[in-house]
Amino acid sequence: MFMGHNSPPGAPIKIKMSFNKLLFRNLVNSYRFNRHLPNSMTFKEYYDYFKKDLDLLSDDALIARFNSQVGIRAFGVARQGKLSALRASLDERNIDYSAVGDAQTMRFDREVRLVGKKIEVVG
């Protein structure tokens, strides 16, 4: 039981913390963790790393990589590099991805399949 908690056993515990305070604490903890990473990569380094990997894949395997990104809500420099490399690979292979994006944006909310050289949304 928490100190100062006067509710009966089994009652929900009320947590009082403002969103800003929680956000600040998460940012501080993130900084404490990430400052120890000696070799942080830049966007270009991530892009090149993922692009080399994607260049070796077949078209179907590339679509499987696209589908592996569906539903992921996290975003950062590494993911930005990965998704940019994925778009570049689709462009280089002349795969039409207009069903899920354009030159500026791309949606990763539903899985897709490749029909010929065109992506179609599944379901």
PDB file of N, CA and C in Angstrom:
ATOM      1  N   MET A   1       0.850  -1.180   0.000  1.00  0.00           N
ATOM      2  CA  MET A   1       0.000   0.000   0.000  1.00  0.00           C
ATOM      3  C   MET A   1       0.889   1.234   0.000  1.00  0.00           C
ATOM      4  N   PHE A   2       0.480   2.236  -0.742  1.00  0.00           N
ATOM      5  CA  PHE A   2       1.239   3.468  -0.830  1.00  0.00           C
ATOM      6  C   PHE A   2       1.039   4.309   0.421  1.00  0.00           C
ATOM      7  N   MET A   3       2.097   5.006   0.824  1.00  0.00           N
ATOM      8  CA  MET A   3       1.986   5.893   1.979  1.00  0.00           C
ATOM      9  C   MET A   3       1.030   7.029   1.662  1.00  0.00           C
ATOM     10  N   GLY A   4       0.198   7.337   2.582  1.00  0.00           N
ATOM     11  CA  GLY A   4      -0.733   8.435   2.407  1.00  0.00           C
ATOM     12  C   GLY A   4      -1.959   8.039   1.600  1.00  0.00           C
ATOM     13  N   HIS A   5      -2.069   6.794   1.256  1.00  0.00           N
ATOM     14  CA  HIS A   5      -3.199   6.306   0.480  1.00  0.00           C
ATOM     15  C   HIS A   5      -4.274   5.858   1.455  1.00  0.00           C
ATOM     16  N   ASN A   6      -5.376   6.597   1.514  1.00  0.00           N
ATOM     17  CA  ASN A   6      -6.411   6.326   2.512  1.00  0.00           C
ATOM     18  C   ASN A   6      -7.618   5.596   1.942  1.00  0.00           C
ATOM     19  N   SER A   7      -7.579   5.191   0.712  1.00  0.00           N
ATOM     20  CA  SER A   7      -8.716   4.496   0.106  1.00  0.00           C
ATOM     21  C   SER A   7      -8.778   3.063   0.600  1.00  0.00           C
ATOM     22  N   PRO A   8      -9.968   2.466   0.557  1.00  0.00           N
ATOM     23  CA  PRO A   8     -10.085   1.063   0.957  1.00  0.00           C
ATOM     24  C   PRO A   8      -9.323   0.162  -0.010  1.00  0.00           C
ATOM     25  N   PRO A   9      -8.944  -1.033   0.446  1.00  0.00           N
ATOM     26  CA  PRO A   9      -8.233  -1.973  -0.422  1.00  0.00           C
ATOM     27  C   PRO A   9      -9.054  -2.267  -1.680  1.00  0.00           C
ATOM     28  N   GLY A  10      -8.376  -2.328  -2.821  1.00  0.00           N
ATOM     29  CA  GLY A  10      -9.040  -2.626  -4.077  1.00  0.00           C
ATOM     30  C   GLY A  10      -9.559  -1.401  -4.816  1.00  0.00           C
ATOM     31  N   ALA A  11      -9.563  -0.247  -4.165  1.00  0.00           N
ATOM     32  CA  ALA A  11     -10.032   0.981  -4.815  1.00  0.00           C
ATOM     33  C   ALA A  11      -8.959   1.472  -5.775  1.00  0.00           C
ATOM     34  N   PRO A  12      -9.384   2.056  -6.880  1.00  0.00           N
ATOM     35  CA  PRO A  12      -8.372   2.562  -7.820  1.00  0.00           C
ATOM     36  C   PRO A  12      -7.562   3.696  -7.210  1.00  0.00           C
ATOM     37  N   ILE A  13      -6.306   3.750  -7.575  1.00  0.00           N
ATOM     38  CA  ILE A  13      -5.414   4.787  -7.078  1.00  0.00           C
ATOM     39  C   ILE A  13      -5.470   5.950  -8.050  1.00  0.00           C
ATOM     40  N   LYS A  14      -5.693   7.139  -7.528  1.00  0.00           N
ATOM     41  CA  LYS A  14      -5.737   8.330  -8.363  1.00  0.00           C
ATOM     42  C   LYS A  14      -4.337   8.903  -8.471  1.00  0.00           C
ATOM     43  N   ILE A  15      -3.904   9.075  -9.693  1.00  0.00           N
ATOM     44  CA  ILE A  15      -2.577   9.640  -9.933  1.00  0.00           C
ATOM     45  C   ILE A  15      -2.764  11.077 -10.375  1.00  0.00           C
ATOM     46  N   LYS A  16      -2.137  11.968  -9.642  1.00  0.00           N
ATOM     47  CA  LYS A  16      -2.236  13.389  -9.958  1.00  0.00           C
ATOM     48  C   LYS A  16      -0.907  13.863 -10.524  1.00  0.00           C
ATOM     49  N   MET A  17      -0.868  14.028 -11.841  1.00  0.00           N
ATOM     50  CA  MET A  17       0.326  14.552 -12.475  1.00  0.00           C
ATOM     51  C   MET A  17      -0.133  15.242 -13.760  1.00  0.00           C
ATOM     52  N   SER A  18       0.317  16.432 -13.946  1.00  0.00           N
ATOM     53  CA  SER A  18      -0.075  17.154 -15.147  1.00  0.00           C
ATOM     54  C   SER A  18       0.622  16.555 -16.367  1.00  0.00           C
ATOM     55  N   PHE A  19      -0.004  16.737 -17.511  1.00  0.00           N
ATOM     56  CA  PHE A  19       0.570  16.234 -18.754  1.00  0.00           C
ATOM     57  C   PHE A  19       1.937  16.866 -19.006  1.00  0.00           C
ATOM     58  N   ASN A  20       2.069  18.158 -18.772  1.00  0.00           N
ATOM     59  CA  ASN A  20       3.349  18.842 -19.006  1.00  0.00           C
ATOM     60  C   ASN A  20       4.452  18.300 -18.115  1.00  0.00           C
ATOM     61  N   LYS A  21       4.110  18.015 -16.869  1.00  0.00           N
ATOM     62  CA  LYS A  21       5.101  17.476 -15.949  1.00  0.00           C
ATOM     63  C   LYS A  21       5.535  16.080 -16.398  1.00  0.00           C
ATOM     64  N   LEU A  22       4.583  15.272 -16.841  1.00  0.00           N
ATOM     65  CA  LEU A  22       4.882  13.933 -17.329  1.00  0.00           C
ATOM     66  C   LEU A  22       5.736  14.000 -18.597  1.00  0.00           C
ATOM     67  N   LEU A  23       5.391  14.893 -19.513  1.00  0.00           N
ATOM     68  CA  LEU A  23       6.142  15.062 -20.744  1.00  0.00           C
ATOM     69  C   LEU A  23       7.580  15.487 -20.434  1.00  0.00           C
ATOM     70  N   PHE A  24       7.743  16.443 -19.536  1.00  0.00           N
ATOM     71  CA  PHE A  24       9.070  16.914 -19.166  1.00  0.00           C
ATOM     72  C   PHE A  24       9.901  15.774 -18.568  1.00  0.00           C
ATOM     73  N   ARG A  25       9.276  14.992 -17.695  1.00  0.00           N
ATOM     74  CA  ARG A  25       9.995  13.889 -17.065  1.00  0.00           C
ATOM     75  C   ARG A  25      10.436  12.865 -18.107  1.00  0.00           C
ATOM     76  N   ASN A  26       9.562  12.584 -19.096  1.00  0.00           N
ATOM     77  CA  ASN A  26       9.927  11.643 -20.146  1.00  0.00           C
ATOM     78  C   ASN A  26      11.067  12.175 -21.009  1.00  0.00           C
ATOM     79  N   LEU A  27      11.047  13.469 -21.297  1.00  0.00           N
ATOM     80  CA  LEU A  27      12.132  14.062 -22.080  1.00  0.00           C
ATOM     81  C   LEU A  27      13.455  13.994 -21.331  1.00  0.00           C
ATOM     82  N   VAL A  28      13.429  14.264 -20.030  1.00  0.00           N
ATOM     83  CA  VAL A  28      14.648  14.196 -19.215  1.00  0.00           C
ATOM     84  C   VAL A  28      15.177  12.771 -19.200  1.00  0.00           C
ATOM     85  N   ASN A  29      14.288  11.789 -19.005  1.00  0.00           N
ATOM     86  CA  ASN A  29      14.725  10.390 -18.986  1.00  0.00           C
ATOM     87  C   ASN A  29      15.269   9.961 -20.343  1.00  0.00           C
ATOM     88  N   SER A  30      14.650  10.430 -21.424  1.00  0.00           N
ATOM     89  CA  SER A  30      15.127  10.108 -22.765  1.00  0.00           C
ATOM     90  C   SER A  30      16.526  10.682 -22.974  1.00  0.00           C
ATOM     91  N   TYR A  31      16.739  11.917 -22.529  1.00  0.00           N
ATOM     92  CA  TYR A  31      18.059  12.531 -22.652  1.00  0.00           C
ATOM     93  C   TYR A  31      19.092  11.741 -21.857  1.00  0.00           C
ATOM     94  N   ARG A  32      18.739  11.350 -20.650  1.00  0.00           N
ATOM     95  CA  ARG A  32      19.687  10.596 -19.809  1.00  0.00           C
ATOM     96  C   ARG A  32      20.099   9.307 -20.487  1.00  0.00           C
ATOM     97  N   PHE A  33      19.148   8.632 -21.158  1.00  0.00           N
ATOM     98  CA  PHE A  33      19.458   7.382 -21.836  1.00  0.00           C
ATOM     99  C   PHE A  33      20.263   7.633 -23.112  1.00  0.00           C
ATOM    100  N   ASN A  34      19.797   8.550 -23.955  1.00  0.00           N
ATOM    101  CA  ASN A  34      20.381   8.734 -25.277  1.00  0.00           C
ATOM    102  C   ASN A  34      21.740   9.429 -25.270  1.00  0.00           C
ATOM    103  N   ARG A  35      22.057  10.189 -24.225  1.00  0.00           N
ATOM    104  CA  ARG A  35      23.348  10.883 -24.223  1.00  0.00           C
ATOM    105  C   ARG A  35      24.503   9.909 -24.091  1.00  0.00           C
ATOM    106  N   HIS A  36      24.221   8.668 -23.676  1.00  0.00           N
ATOM    107  CA  HIS A  36      25.271   7.667 -23.519  1.00  0.00           C
ATOM    108  C   HIS A  36      25.536   6.908 -24.820  1.00  0.00           C
ATOM    109  N   LEU A  37      24.717   7.147 -25.854  1.00  0.00           N
ATOM    110  CA  LEU A  37      24.944   6.482 -27.125  1.00  0.00           C
ATOM    111  C   LEU A  37      26.053   7.228 -27.868  1.00  0.00           C
ATOM    112  N   PRO A  38      27.197   6.585 -28.054  1.00  0.00           N
ATOM    113  CA  PRO A  38      28.344   7.302 -28.610  1.00  0.00           C
ATOM    114  C   PRO A  38      28.227   7.627 -30.089  1.00  0.00           C
ATOM    115  N   ASN A  39      27.580   6.785 -30.857  1.00  0.00           N
ATOM    116  CA  ASN A  39      27.556   6.961 -32.307  1.00  0.00           C
ATOM    117  C   ASN A  39      26.139   7.140 -32.818  1.00  0.00           C
ATOM    118  N   SER A  40      25.500   8.203 -32.461  1.00  0.00           N
ATOM    119  CA  SER A  40      24.172   8.476 -32.988  1.00  0.00           C
ATOM    120  C   SER A  40      24.306   8.725 -34.482  1.00  0.00           C
ATOM    121  N   MET A  41      23.376   8.159 -35.240  1.00  0.00           N
ATOM    122  CA  MET A  41      23.434   8.283 -36.689  1.00  0.00           C
ATOM    123  C   MET A  41      22.562   9.447 -37.154  1.00  0.00           C
ATOM    124  N   THR A  42      22.924  10.037 -38.257  1.00  0.00           N
ATOM    125  CA  THR A  42      22.137  11.110 -38.847  1.00  0.00           C
ATOM    126  C   THR A  42      21.070  10.504 -39.753  1.00  0.00           C
ATOM    127  N   PHE A  43      20.150  11.354 -40.213  1.00  0.00           N
ATOM    128  CA  PHE A  43      19.123  10.901 -41.145  1.00  0.00           C
ATOM    129  C   PHE A  43      19.753  10.254 -42.370  1.00  0.00           C
ATOM    130  N   LYS A  44      20.760  10.900 -42.945  1.00  0.00           N
ATOM    131  CA  LYS A  44      21.421  10.390 -44.157  1.00  0.00           C
ATOM    132  C   LYS A  44      22.070   9.036 -43.909  1.00  0.00           C
ATOM    133  N   GLU A  45      22.682   8.863 -42.743  1.00  0.00           N
ATOM    134  CA  GLU A  45      23.311   7.579 -42.418  1.00  0.00           C
ATOM    135  C   GLU A  45      22.265   6.474 -42.287  1.00  0.00           C
ATOM    136  N   TYR A  46      21.144   6.785 -41.615  1.00  0.00           N
ATOM    137  CA  TYR A  46      20.059   5.803 -41.520  1.00  0.00           C
ATOM    138  C   TYR A  46      19.502   5.490 -42.902  1.00  0.00           C
ATOM    139  N   TYR A  47      19.278   6.523 -43.707  1.00  0.00           N
ATOM    140  CA  TYR A  47      18.754   6.346 -45.054  1.00  0.00           C
ATOM    141  C   TYR A  47      19.658   5.405 -45.855  1.00  0.00           C
ATOM    142  N   ASP A  48      20.946   5.672 -45.867  1.00  0.00           N
ATOM    143  CA  ASP A  48      21.896   4.837 -46.620  1.00  0.00           C
ATOM    144  C   ASP A  48      21.908   3.403 -46.107  1.00  0.00           C
ATOM    145  N   TYR A  49      21.866   3.252 -44.783  1.00  0.00           N
ATOM    146  CA  TYR A  49      21.869   1.918 -44.173  1.00  0.00           C
ATOM    147  C   TYR A  49      20.660   1.107 -44.634  1.00  0.00           C
ATOM    148  N   PHE A  50      19.462   1.693 -44.539  1.00  0.00           N
ATOM    149  CA  PHE A  50      18.252   0.972 -44.920  1.00  0.00           C
ATOM    150  C   PHE A  50      18.150   0.806 -46.433  1.00  0.00           C
ATOM    151  N   LYS A  51      18.631   1.777 -47.188  1.00  0.00           N
ATOM    152  CA  LYS A  51      18.542   1.715 -48.651  1.00  0.00           C
ATOM    153  C   LYS A  51      19.350   0.535 -49.184  1.00  0.00           C
ATOM    154  N   LYS A  52      20.542   0.322 -48.638  1.00  0.00           N
ATOM    155  CA  LYS A  52      21.364  -0.821 -49.049  1.00  0.00           C
ATOM    156  C   LYS A  52      20.630  -2.130 -48.812  1.00  0.00           C
ATOM    157  N   ASP A  53      19.966  -2.223 -47.678  1.00  0.00           N
ATOM    158  CA  ASP A  53      19.220  -3.426 -47.320  1.00  0.00           C
ATOM    159  C   ASP A  53      18.040  -3.635 -48.280  1.00  0.00           C
ATOM    160  N   LEU A  54      17.306  -2.578 -48.570  1.00  0.00           N
ATOM    161  CA  LEU A  54      16.121  -2.685 -49.417  1.00  0.00           C
ATOM    162  C   LEU A  54      16.478  -2.975 -50.870  1.00  0.00           C
ATOM    163  N   ASP A  55      17.633  -2.502 -51.328  1.00  0.00           N
ATOM    164  CA  ASP A  55      18.045  -2.726 -52.714  1.00  0.00           C
ATOM    165  C   ASP A  55      18.238  -4.204 -53.033  1.00  0.00           C
ATOM    166  N   LEU A  56      18.510  -5.015 -52.018  1.00  0.00           N
ATOM    167  CA  LEU A  56      18.757  -6.438 -52.224  1.00  0.00           C
ATOM    168  C   LEU A  56      17.475  -7.263 -52.300  1.00  0.00           C
ATOM    169  N   LEU A  57      16.343  -6.672 -51.954  1.00  0.00           N
ATOM    170  CA  LEU A  57      15.087  -7.418 -51.849  1.00  0.00           C
ATOM    171  C   LEU A  57      14.357  -7.505 -53.183  1.00  0.00           C
ATOM    172  N   SER A  58      13.543  -8.559 -53.304  1.00  0.00           N
ATOM    173  CA  SER A  58      12.628  -8.658 -54.442  1.00  0.00           C
ATOM    174  C   SER A  58      11.474  -7.688 -54.224  1.00  0.00           C
ATOM    175  N   ASP A  59      10.665  -7.478 -55.246  1.00  0.00           N
ATOM    176  CA  ASP A  59       9.512  -6.586 -55.113  1.00  0.00           C
ATOM    177  C   ASP A  59       8.562  -7.078 -54.022  1.00  0.00           C
ATOM    178  N   ASP A  60       8.307  -8.391 -53.995  1.00  0.00           N
ATOM    179  CA  ASP A  60       7.405  -8.944 -52.978  1.00  0.00           C
ATOM    180  C   ASP A  60       7.971  -8.778 -51.567  1.00  0.00           C
ATOM    181  N   ALA A  61       9.270  -8.956 -51.423  1.00  0.00           N
ATOM    182  CA  ALA A  61       9.904  -8.766 -50.116  1.00  0.00           C
ATOM    183  C   ALA A  61       9.857  -7.301 -49.701  1.00  0.00           C
ATOM    184  N   LEU A  62       9.971  -6.402 -50.680  1.00  0.00           N
ATOM    185  CA  LEU A  62       9.870  -4.971 -50.390  1.00  0.00           C
ATOM    186  C   LEU A  62       8.470  -4.637 -49.862  1.00  0.00           C
ATOM    187  N   ILE A  63       7.444  -5.226 -50.462  1.00  0.00           N
ATOM    188  CA  ILE A  63       6.074  -5.011 -49.991  1.00  0.00           C
ATOM    189  C   ILE A  63       5.895  -5.596 -48.591  1.00  0.00           C
ATOM    190  N   ALA A  64       6.536  -6.709 -48.322  1.00  0.00           N
ATOM    191  CA  ALA A  64       6.485  -7.286 -46.967  1.00  0.00           C
ATOM    192  C   ALA A  64       7.111  -6.324 -45.960  1.00  0.00           C
ATOM    193  N   ARG A  65       8.194  -5.644 -46.349  1.00  0.00           N
ATOM    194  CA  ARG A  65       8.802  -4.634 -45.471  1.00  0.00           C
ATOM    195  C   ARG A  65       7.849  -3.466 -45.252  1.00  0.00           C
ATOM    196  N   PHE A  66       7.151  -3.056 -46.318  1.00  0.00           N
ATOM    197  CA  PHE A  66       6.144  -2.008 -46.169  1.00  0.00           C
ATOM    198  C   PHE A  66       5.110  -2.443 -45.133  1.00  0.00           C
ATOM    199  N   ASN A  67       4.598  -3.663 -45.276  1.00  0.00           N
ATOM    200  CA  ASN A  67       3.567  -4.161 -44.372  1.00  0.00           C
ATOM    201  C   ASN A  67       4.062  -4.303 -42.935  1.00  0.00           C
ATOM    202  N   SER A  68       5.357  -4.499 -42.771  1.00  0.00           N
ATOM    203  CA  SER A  68       5.898  -4.596 -41.406  1.00  0.00           C
ATOM    204  C   SER A  68       5.840  -3.259 -40.674  1.00  0.00           C
ATOM    205  N   GLN A  69       5.643  -2.167 -41.412  1.00  0.00           N
ATOM    206  CA  GLN A  69       5.570  -0.836 -40.818  1.00  0.00           C
ATOM    207  C   GLN A  69       4.147  -0.408 -40.476  1.00  0.00           C
ATOM    208  N   VAL A  70       3.169  -1.206 -40.892  1.00  0.00           N
ATOM    209  CA  VAL A  70       1.762  -0.864 -40.664  1.00  0.00           C
ATOM    210  C   VAL A  70       1.457  -0.869 -39.171  1.00  0.00           C
ATOM    211  N   GLY A  71       0.840   0.203 -38.717  1.00  0.00           N
ATOM    212  CA  GLY A  71       0.401   0.304 -37.326  1.00  0.00           C
ATOM    213  C   GLY A  71       1.447   0.823 -36.364  1.00  0.00           C
ATOM    214  N   ILE A  72       2.668   1.013 -36.788  1.00  0.00           N
ATOM    215  CA  ILE A  72       3.710   1.521 -35.892  1.00  0.00           C
ATOM    216  C   ILE A  72       3.518   3.021 -35.744  1.00  0.00           C
ATOM    217  N   ARG A  73       3.400   3.480 -34.513  1.00  0.00           N
ATOM    218  CA  ARG A  73       3.136   4.893 -34.249  1.00  0.00           C
ATOM    219  C   ARG A  73       4.390   5.680 -33.890  1.00  0.00           C
ATOM    220  N   ALA A  74       5.465   4.995 -33.599  1.00  0.00           N
ATOM    221  CA  ALA A  74       6.706   5.670 -33.204  1.00  0.00           C
ATOM    222  C   ALA A  74       7.297   6.406 -34.395  1.00  0.00           C
ATOM    223  N   PHE A  75       7.997   7.484 -34.107  1.00  0.00           N
ATOM    224  CA  PHE A  75       8.643   8.216 -35.190  1.00  0.00           C
ATOM    225  C   PHE A  75       9.894   8.893 -34.661  1.00  0.00           C
ATOM    226  N   GLY A  76      10.928   8.850 -35.422  1.00  0.00           N
ATOM    227  CA  GLY A  76      12.187   9.482 -35.062  1.00  0.00           C
ATOM    228  C   GLY A  76      13.087   9.508 -36.280  1.00  0.00           C
ATOM    229  N   VAL A  77      14.338   9.834 -36.074  1.00  0.00           N
ATOM    230  CA  VAL A  77      15.271   9.966 -37.183  1.00  0.00           C
ATOM    231  C   VAL A  77      15.481   8.622 -37.885  1.00  0.00           C
ATOM    232  N   ALA A  78      15.591   7.554 -37.116  1.00  0.00           N
ATOM    233  CA  ALA A  78      15.808   6.234 -37.719  1.00  0.00           C
ATOM    234  C   ALA A  78      14.612   5.824 -38.576  1.00  0.00           C
ATOM    235  N   ARG A  79      13.421   5.998 -38.047  1.00  0.00           N
ATOM    236  CA  ARG A  79      12.215   5.625 -38.812  1.00  0.00           C
ATOM    237  C   ARG A  79      12.058   6.527 -40.035  1.00  0.00           C
ATOM    238  N   GLN A  80      12.373   7.789 -39.896  1.00  0.00           N
ATOM    239  CA  GLN A  80      12.295   8.712 -41.022  1.00  0.00           C
ATOM    240  C   GLN A  80      13.245   8.257 -42.142  1.00  0.00           C
ATOM    241  N   GLY A  81      14.447   7.865 -41.778  1.00  0.00           N
ATOM    242  CA  GLY A  81      15.395   7.365 -42.766  1.00  0.00           C
ATOM    243  C   GLY A  81      14.915   6.079 -43.420  1.00  0.00           C
ATOM    244  N   LYS A  82      14.336   5.201 -42.611  1.00  0.00           N
ATOM    245  CA  LYS A  82      13.834   3.925 -43.120  1.00  0.00           C
ATOM    246  C   LYS A  82      12.682   4.131 -44.105  1.00  0.00           C
ATOM    247  N   LEU A  83      11.730   4.972 -43.748  1.00  0.00           N
ATOM    248  CA  LEU A  83      10.573   5.189 -44.610  1.00  0.00           C
ATOM    249  C   LEU A  83      10.956   5.951 -45.881  1.00  0.00           C
ATOM    250  N   SER A  84      11.912   6.853 -45.776  1.00  0.00           N
ATOM    251  CA  SER A  84      12.388   7.556 -46.969  1.00  0.00           C
ATOM    252  C   SER A  84      13.095   6.592 -47.923  1.00  0.00           C
ATOM    253  N   ALA A  85      13.862   5.673 -47.373  1.00  0.00           N
ATOM    254  CA  ALA A  85      14.531   4.661 -48.195  1.00  0.00           C
ATOM    255  C   ALA A  85      13.505   3.741 -48.847  1.00  0.00           C
ATOM    256  N   LEU A  86      12.447   3.433 -48.131  1.00  0.00           N
ATOM    257  CA  LEU A  86      11.382   2.589 -48.676  1.00  0.00           C
ATOM    258  C   LEU A  86      10.694   3.285 -49.851  1.00  0.00           C
ATOM    259  N   ARG A  87      10.374   4.556 -49.686  1.00  0.00           N
ATOM    260  CA  ARG A  87       9.753   5.322 -50.779  1.00  0.00           C
ATOM    261  C   ARG A  87      10.685   5.395 -51.995  1.00  0.00           C
ATOM    262  N   ALA A  88      11.969   5.647 -51.758  1.00  0.00           N
ATOM    263  CA  ALA A  88      12.934   5.728 -52.857  1.00  0.00           C
ATOM    264  C   ALA A  88      13.033   4.394 -53.596  1.00  0.00           C
ATOM    265  N   SER A  89      12.986   3.301 -52.854  1.00  0.00           N
ATOM    266  CA  SER A  89      13.038   1.977 -53.482  1.00  0.00           C
ATOM    267  C   SER A  89      11.803   1.730 -54.338  1.00  0.00           C
ATOM    268  N   LEU A  90      10.641   2.144 -53.853  1.00  0.00           N
ATOM    269  CA  LEU A  90       9.415   2.006 -54.644  1.00  0.00           C
ATOM    270  C   LEU A  90       9.509   2.848 -55.921  1.00  0.00           C
ATOM    271  N   ASP A  91      10.025   4.062 -55.790  1.00  0.00           N
ATOM    272  CA  ASP A  91      10.184   4.938 -56.956  1.00  0.00           C
ATOM    273  C   ASP A  91      11.150   4.334 -57.985  1.00  0.00           C
ATOM    274  N   GLU A  92      12.282   3.834 -57.512  1.00  0.00           N
ATOM    275  CA  GLU A  92      13.287   3.267 -58.412  1.00  0.00           C
ATOM    276  C   GLU A  92      12.755   2.065 -59.180  1.00  0.00           C
ATOM    277  N   ARG A  93      11.862   1.313 -58.556  1.00  0.00           N
ATOM    278  CA  ARG A  93      11.298   0.112 -59.194  1.00  0.00           C
ATOM    279  C   ARG A  93      10.044   0.439 -60.003  1.00  0.00           C
ATOM    280  N   ASN A  94       9.692   1.713 -60.061  1.00  0.00           N
ATOM    281  CA  ASN A  94       8.491   2.160 -60.784  1.00  0.00           C
ATOM    282  C   ASN A  94       7.226   1.469 -60.281  1.00  0.00           C
ATOM    283  N   ILE A  95       7.154   1.287 -58.963  1.00  0.00           N
ATOM    284  CA  ILE A  95       5.964   0.716 -58.345  1.00  0.00           C
ATOM    285  C   ILE A  95       5.028   1.860 -57.981  1.00  0.00           C
ATOM    286  N   ASP A  96       3.804   1.766 -58.453  1.00  0.00           N
ATOM    287  CA  ASP A  96       2.792   2.801 -58.214  1.00  0.00           C
ATOM    288  C   ASP A  96       2.237   2.635 -56.805  1.00  0.00           C
ATOM    289  N   TYR A  97       2.513   3.593 -55.934  1.00  0.00           N
ATOM    290  CA  TYR A  97       2.017   3.538 -54.553  1.00  0.00           C
ATOM    291  C   TYR A  97       0.980   4.625 -54.291  1.00  0.00           C
ATOM    292  N   SER A  98       0.302   5.074 -55.334  1.00  0.00           N
ATOM    293  CA  SER A  98      -0.685   6.151 -55.186  1.00  0.00           C
ATOM    294  C   SER A  98      -1.863   5.755 -54.288  1.00  0.00           C
ATOM    295  N   ALA A  99      -2.086   4.470 -54.074  1.00  0.00           N
ATOM    296  CA  ALA A  99      -3.173   4.026 -53.194  1.00  0.00           C
ATOM    297  C   ALA A  99      -2.872   4.329 -51.727  1.00  0.00           C
ATOM    298  N   VAL A 100      -1.593   4.534 -51.411  1.00  0.00           N
ATOM    299  CA  VAL A 100      -1.215   4.782 -50.015  1.00  0.00           C
ATOM    300  C   VAL A 100      -0.419   6.060 -49.820  1.00  0.00           C
ATOM    301  N   GLY A 101      -0.121   6.788 -50.895  1.00  0.00           N
ATOM    302  CA  GLY A 101       0.649   7.999 -50.704  1.00  0.00           C
ATOM    303  C   GLY A 101       0.939   8.729 -51.987  1.00  0.00           C
ATOM    304  N   ASP A 102       1.717   9.788 -51.826  1.00  0.00           N
ATOM    305  CA  ASP A 102       2.150  10.594 -52.960  1.00  0.00           C
ATOM    306  C   ASP A 102       3.588  11.031 -52.692  1.00  0.00           C
ATOM    307  N   ALA A 103       4.042  12.046 -53.370  1.00  0.00           N
ATOM    308  CA  ALA A 103       5.422  12.498 -53.214  1.00  0.00           C
ATOM    309  C   ALA A 103       5.698  13.090 -51.827  1.00  0.00           C
ATOM    310  N   GLN A 104       4.658  13.497 -51.111  1.00  0.00           N
ATOM    311  CA  GLN A 104       4.836  14.147 -49.809  1.00  0.00           C
ATOM    312  C   GLN A 104       4.508  13.248 -48.614  1.00  0.00           C
ATOM    313  N   THR A 105       3.496  12.424 -48.744  1.00  0.00           N
ATOM    314  CA  THR A 105       3.040  11.625 -47.599  1.00  0.00           C
ATOM    315  C   THR A 105       2.846  10.163 -47.992  1.00  0.00           C
ATOM    316  N   MET A 106       2.844   9.309 -46.968  1.00  0.00           N
ATOM    317  CA  MET A 106       2.559   7.900 -47.178  1.00  0.00           C
ATOM    318  C   MET A 106       1.850   7.371 -45.934  1.00  0.00           C
ATOM    319  N   ARG A 107       0.799   6.602 -46.159  1.00  0.00           N
ATOM    320  CA  ARG A 107       0.001   6.047 -45.057  1.00  0.00           C
ATOM    321  C   ARG A 107       0.462   4.629 -44.750  1.00  0.00           C
ATOM    322  N   PHE A 108       0.532   4.338 -43.476  1.00  0.00           N
ATOM    323  CA  PHE A 108       0.888   2.996 -43.026  1.00  0.00           C
ATOM    324  C   PHE A 108      -0.187   2.475 -42.079  1.00  0.00           C
ATOM    325  N   ASP A 109      -1.458   2.685 -42.445  1.00  0.00           N
ATOM    326  CA  ASP A 109      -2.543   2.262 -41.571  1.00  0.00           C
ATOM    327  C   ASP A 109      -3.158   0.929 -41.987  1.00  0.00           C
ATOM    328  N   ARG A 110      -2.896   0.472 -43.211  1.00  0.00           N
ATOM    329  CA  ARG A 110      -3.428  -0.816 -43.668  1.00  0.00           C
ATOM    330  C   ARG A 110      -2.392  -1.540 -44.516  1.00  0.00           C
ATOM    331  N   GLU A 111      -2.460  -2.852 -44.501  1.00  0.00           N
ATOM    332  CA  GLU A 111      -1.535  -3.638 -45.302  1.00  0.00           C
ATOM    333  C   GLU A 111      -1.878  -3.531 -46.779  1.00  0.00           C
ATOM    334  N   VAL A 112      -0.875  -3.812 -47.598  1.00  0.00           N
ATOM    335  CA  VAL A 112      -1.027  -3.707 -49.047  1.00  0.00           C
ATOM    336  C   VAL A 112      -0.543  -4.993 -49.708  1.00  0.00           C
ATOM    337  N   ARG A 113      -0.859  -5.106 -51.001  1.00  0.00           N
ATOM    338  CA  ARG A 113      -0.321  -6.196 -51.823  1.00  0.00           C
ATOM    339  C   ARG A 113       0.106  -5.605 -53.153  1.00  0.00           C
ATOM    340  N   LEU A 114       0.970  -6.314 -53.827  1.00  0.00           N
ATOM    341  CA  LEU A 114       1.480  -5.856 -55.105  1.00  0.00           C
ATOM    342  C   LEU A 114       0.777  -6.621 -56.220  1.00  0.00           C
ATOM    343  N   VAL A 115       0.147  -5.890 -57.122  1.00  0.00           N
ATOM    344  CA  VAL A 115      -0.501  -6.475 -58.291  1.00  0.00           C
ATOM    345  C   VAL A 115       0.166  -5.850 -59.506  1.00  0.00           C
ATOM    346  N   GLY A 116       0.986  -6.656 -60.162  1.00  0.00           N
ATOM    347  CA  GLY A 116       1.804  -6.122 -61.253  1.00  0.00           C
ATOM    348  C   GLY A 116       2.825  -5.159 -60.677  1.00  0.00           C
ATOM    349  N   LYS A 117       2.741  -3.908 -61.055  1.00  0.00           N
ATOM    350  CA  LYS A 117       3.625  -2.862 -60.522  1.00  0.00           C
ATOM    351  C   LYS A 117       2.823  -1.813 -59.768  1.00  0.00           C
ATOM    352  N   LYS A 118       1.684  -2.226 -59.218  1.00  0.00           N
ATOM    353  CA  LYS A 118       0.801  -1.294 -58.506  1.00  0.00           C
ATOM    354  C   LYS A 118       0.460  -1.844 -57.124  1.00  0.00           C
ATOM    355  N   ILE A 119       0.535  -0.975 -56.132  1.00  0.00           N
ATOM    356  CA  ILE A 119       0.157  -1.355 -54.774  1.00  0.00           C
ATOM    357  C   ILE A 119      -1.349  -1.188 -54.609  1.00  0.00           C
ATOM    358  N   GLU A 120      -1.973  -2.206 -54.020  1.00  0.00           N
ATOM    359  CA  GLU A 120      -3.397  -2.137 -53.687  1.00  0.00           C
ATOM    360  C   GLU A 120      -3.552  -2.374 -52.192  1.00  0.00           C
ATOM    361  N   VAL A 121      -4.485  -1.639 -51.604  1.00  0.00           N
ATOM    362  CA  VAL A 121      -4.758  -1.810 -50.176  1.00  0.00           C
ATOM    363  C   VAL A 121      -5.536  -3.106 -49.971  1.00  0.00           C
ATOM    364  N   VAL A 122      -5.158  -3.868 -48.964  1.00  0.00           N
ATOM    365  CA  VAL A 122      -5.846  -5.122 -48.640  1.00  0.00           C
ATOM    366  C   VAL A 122      -6.980  -4.820 -47.697  1.00  0.00           C
ATOM    367  N   GLY A 123      -8.147  -5.337 -47.999  1.00  0.00           N
ATOM    368  CA  GLY A 123      -9.307  -5.211 -47.112  1.00  0.00           C
ATOM    369  C   GLY A 123     -10.083  -3.982 -47.188  1.00  0.00           C
TER     370      GLY A 123
END
